[in-house]
């Protein structure tokens, strides 16, 4: 769902308020063992960047299943890259 915030408040005011709230949240004490405080969407964004740089690990059991599926469907000359 998308909401047009300008129906309620001018856009610059909304951005300033949201930015202030995010800064206040990040300034709070972190949980024991946590390196930082994440706000909405940040963890997913960081994970996406890491996946683009490092790739996504495919567990050996899934690799085996995919190879078996290729054989079962008789897909010739297909290299999954693992």
Protein backbone atom coordinates (compact mmCIF):
# COMPACT_ATOMS: atom_id res chain seq x y z
CA UNK A 1 0.00 0.00 0.00
CA UNK A 2 1.22 3.48 -0.79
CA UNK A 3 0.19 6.64 1.00
CA UNK A 4 0.56 10.12 -0.39
CA UNK A 5 1.89 11.90 2.70
CA UNK A 6 1.30 15.27 1.06
CA UNK A 7 -2.41 14.65 1.62
CA UNK A 8 -1.67 15.14 5.32
CA UNK A 9 1.47 17.25 5.64
CA UNK A 10 3.91 19.04 3.30
CA UNK A 11 6.57 16.66 1.98
CA UNK A 12 9.56 18.55 3.42
CA UNK A 13 7.96 18.57 6.86
CA UNK A 14 7.35 14.82 6.62
CA UNK A 15 10.96 14.18 5.54
CA UNK A 16 12.31 16.30 8.39
CA UNK A 17 10.09 14.59 10.95
CA UNK A 18 10.90 11.09 9.67
CA UNK A 19 14.61 11.90 9.59
CA UNK A 20 14.50 13.19 13.17
CA UNK A 21 12.69 10.07 14.36
CA UNK A 22 15.25 7.81 12.64
CA UNK A 23 18.15 9.74 14.17
CA UNK A 24 16.56 9.52 17.62
CA UNK A 25 16.03 5.77 17.23
CA UNK A 26 19.64 5.20 16.16
CA UNK A 27 20.90 7.28 19.10
CA UNK A 28 19.26 4.96 21.65
CA UNK A 29 21.21 2.33 23.56
CA UNK A 30 21.89 -0.83 21.59
CA UNK A 31 20.96 -4.29 22.80
CA UNK A 32 23.80 -6.25 24.37
CA UNK A 33 25.93 -7.74 21.60
CA UNK A 34 24.40 -5.61 18.85
CA UNK A 35 26.66 -3.53 16.65
CA UNK A 36 23.97 -1.05 15.61
CA UNK A 37 20.29 -0.18 15.61
CA UNK A 38 18.49 -0.85 12.34
CA UNK A 39 15.44 1.13 11.25
CA UNK A 40 12.73 -0.01 8.84
CA UNK A 41 14.17 -1.66 5.73
CA UNK A 42 17.86 -1.21 6.61
CA UNK A 43 18.59 -4.84 7.49
CA UNK A 44 17.00 -6.09 4.25
CA UNK A 45 18.91 -3.46 2.27
CA UNK A 46 22.23 -4.45 3.89
CA UNK A 47 21.49 -8.13 3.22
CA UNK A 48 20.72 -7.34 -0.44
CA UNK A 49 24.03 -5.52 -0.85
CA UNK A 50 25.92 -8.41 0.75
CA UNK A 51 24.16 -10.95 -1.51
CA UNK A 52 25.09 -8.92 -4.59
CA UNK A 53 28.74 -8.80 -3.52
CA UNK A 54 29.16 -12.30 -2.07
CA UNK A 55 26.42 -14.30 -3.72
CA UNK A 56 23.91 -16.53 -1.96
CA UNK A 57 25.01 -19.76 -0.30
CA UNK A 58 23.11 -22.79 -1.56
CA UNK A 59 23.24 -25.62 0.99
CA UNK A 60 24.67 -28.96 -0.22
CA UNK A 61 21.31 -30.70 0.29
CA UNK A 62 19.60 -28.21 -2.04
CA UNK A 63 22.41 -28.53 -4.59
CA UNK A 64 21.90 -32.29 -4.57
CA UNK A 65 18.15 -31.88 -5.02
CA UNK A 66 18.58 -29.49 -7.93
CA UNK A 67 21.00 -31.85 -9.66
CA UNK A 68 18.54 -34.70 -9.18
CA UNK A 69 15.77 -32.59 -10.66
CA UNK A 70 17.91 -31.82 -13.72
CA UNK A 71 18.48 -35.53 -14.19
CA UNK A 72 14.81 -36.39 -13.61
CA UNK A 73 13.65 -33.80 -16.14
CA UNK A 74 16.39 -34.84 -18.53
CA UNK A 75 17.76 -31.34 -19.02
CA UNK A 76 20.93 -31.80 -21.06
CA UNK A 77 24.10 -29.73 -20.74
CA UNK A 78 22.98 -27.62 -17.80
CA UNK A 79 25.63 -26.37 -15.37
CA UNK A 80 24.30 -24.89 -12.15
CA UNK A 81 27.66 -23.39 -11.27
CA UNK A 82 28.22 -25.36 -8.09
